[in-house]
Amino acid sequence: MKNIEKLNEIKEIIAKHKITLLFISQPNCSVCHALLPQVELLLKKFPNIQSLHIDSEKTPEIIGEYLIFSAPVVIVLVDGKEMIRKARFVPIKELEDDITKLINAI
């Protein structure tokens, strides 16, 4: 998962890839730290998904751009459009099922 700190760079990467997963976190968030390795492990099953890790304290404009109210937030975009959003407590199996359904639908 690539760490990104600039909103314009995030937008450029999203524009270049069919499917992008954003993992938005905060440094003082214990749930974020616990969930990140689980999401990274899950993404090994989906090598065609571009994944980005954004620290909302280092990139505060991400909060307004994607209407972030808590952390962590996992957003999956297809062609730049939000298709999946999970926040705070993210069940990995549910996320995996949702991503699988999404990939099968496109």
Protein backbone atom coordinates (compact mmCIF):
# COMPACT_ATOMS: atom_id res chain seq x y z
CA MET A 1 0.00 0.00 0.00
CA LYS A 2 1.47 3.31 -1.09
CA ASN A 3 1.58 6.22 1.39
CA ILE A 4 0.44 9.48 -0.19
CA GLU A 5 0.34 12.96 1.36
CA LYS A 6 -0.84 15.23 -1.47
CA LEU A 7 -4.45 15.41 -2.61
CA ASN A 8 -3.53 16.17 -6.23
CA GLU A 9 -1.30 13.07 -6.30
CA ILE A 10 -4.18 10.98 -4.89
CA LYS A 11 -6.48 12.28 -7.63
CA GLU A 12 -3.89 11.52 -10.33
CA ILE A 13 -3.48 7.93 -9.14
CA ILE A 14 -7.26 7.42 -8.96
CA ALA A 15 -7.60 8.74 -12.53
CA LYS A 16 -4.97 6.27 -13.82
CA HIS A 17 -6.47 3.12 -12.29
CA LYS A 18 -9.76 1.30 -12.81
CA ILE A 19 -10.11 0.35 -9.13
CA THR A 20 -8.52 2.21 -6.22
CA LEU A 21 -8.78 1.54 -2.50
CA LEU A 22 -8.17 4.42 -0.12
CA PHE A 23 -7.28 3.63 3.49
CA ILE A 24 -7.65 6.87 5.45
CA SER A 25 -6.30 6.86 8.98
CA GLN A 26 -5.00 8.97 11.84
CA PRO A 27 -1.76 8.39 13.75
CA ASN A 28 -3.44 8.24 17.19
CA CYS A 29 -6.09 5.70 16.05
CA SER A 30 -5.55 2.22 17.50
CA VAL A 31 -8.25 0.75 15.26
CA CYS A 32 -6.40 2.17 12.23
CA HIS A 33 -3.15 0.53 13.28
CA ALA A 34 -4.87 -2.81 13.84
CA LEU A 35 -6.86 -2.73 10.61
CA LEU A 36 -4.14 -1.63 8.18
CA PRO A 37 -2.21 -4.95 8.10
CA GLN A 38 -5.49 -6.84 7.67
CA VAL A 39 -6.45 -4.69 4.67
CA GLU A 40 -2.95 -5.10 3.20
CA LEU A 41 -3.25 -8.87 3.55
CA LEU A 42 -6.70 -8.82 1.94
CA LEU A 43 -5.38 -6.79 -1.00
CA LYS A 44 -2.98 -9.60 -1.90
CA LYS A 45 -6.09 -11.41 -3.18
CA PHE A 46 -6.85 -8.44 -5.45
CA PRO A 47 -3.60 -7.51 -7.24
CA ASN A 48 -5.40 -5.28 -9.76
CA ILE A 49 -6.56 -2.86 -7.06
CA GLN A 50 -4.33 0.17 -6.57
CA SER A 51 -4.17 0.90 -2.83
CA LEU A 52 -3.30 4.15 -1.10
CA HIS A 53 -2.76 4.91 2.57
CA ILE A 54 -3.56 8.49 3.55
CA ASP A 55 -2.88 9.96 6.99
CA SER A 56 -5.62 12.56 7.47
CA GLU A 57 -3.39 14.63 9.76
CA LYS A 58 -0.71 14.93 7.05
CA THR A 59 -3.35 15.43 4.33
CA PRO A 60 -6.18 17.32 6.07
CA GLU A 61 -7.88 18.28 2.79
CA ILE A 62 -8.80 14.60 2.33
CA ILE A 63 -11.37 15.05 5.12
CA GLY A 64 -13.41 17.55 3.10
CA GLU A 65 -12.82 15.89 -0.25
CA TYR A 66 -14.23 12.52 0.87
CA LEU A 67 -16.43 13.64 3.80
CA ILE A 68 -14.48 11.79 6.48
CA PHE A 69 -16.09 11.82 9.93
CA SER A 70 -14.13 9.05 11.69
CA ALA A 71 -11.10 6.86 11.20
CA PRO A 72 -10.25 4.49 9.74
CA VAL A 73 -12.19 4.78 6.51
CA VAL A 74 -11.85 2.37 3.60
CA ILE A 75 -13.17 3.69 0.28
CA VAL A 76 -13.15 1.69 -2.95
CA LEU A 77 -13.49 3.69 -6.15
CA VAL A 78 -14.17 2.42 -9.66
CA ASP A 79 -13.30 4.85 -12.43
CA GLY A 80 -13.06 7.54 -9.75
CA LYS A 81 -16.55 6.92 -8.38
CA GLU A 82 -17.08 5.75 -4.82
CA MET A 83 -18.60 2.28 -4.78
CA ILE A 84 -17.77 0.97 -1.27
CA ARG A 85 -17.28 2.81 2.01
CA LYS A 86 -16.55 1.22 5.39
CA ALA A 87 -15.72 3.24 8.47
CA ARG A 88 -14.44 2.77 12.02
CA PHE A 89 -14.92 -0.97 12.60
CA VAL A 90 -14.45 -2.69 9.24
CA PRO A 91 -15.31 -6.39 9.06
CA ILE A 92 -12.62 -7.79 6.75
CA LYS A 93 -14.78 -10.67 5.46
CA GLU A 94 -17.57 -8.23 4.60
CA LEU A 95 -15.09 -5.96 2.82
CA GLU A 96 -13.70 -8.94 0.90
CA ASP A 97 -17.22 -10.04 -0.14
CA ASP A 98 -18.13 -6.51 -1.24
CA ILE A 99 -14.94 -6.15 -3.30
CA THR A 100 -15.48 -9.58 -4.90
CA LYS A 101 -19.07 -8.66 -5.86
CA LEU A 102 -17.89 -5.34 -7.25
CA ILE A 103 -15.16 -6.93 -9.37
CA ASN A 104 -17.59 -9.55 -10.68
CA ALA A 105 -20.04 -6.80 -11.63
CA ILE A 106 -17.58 -4.76 -13.71
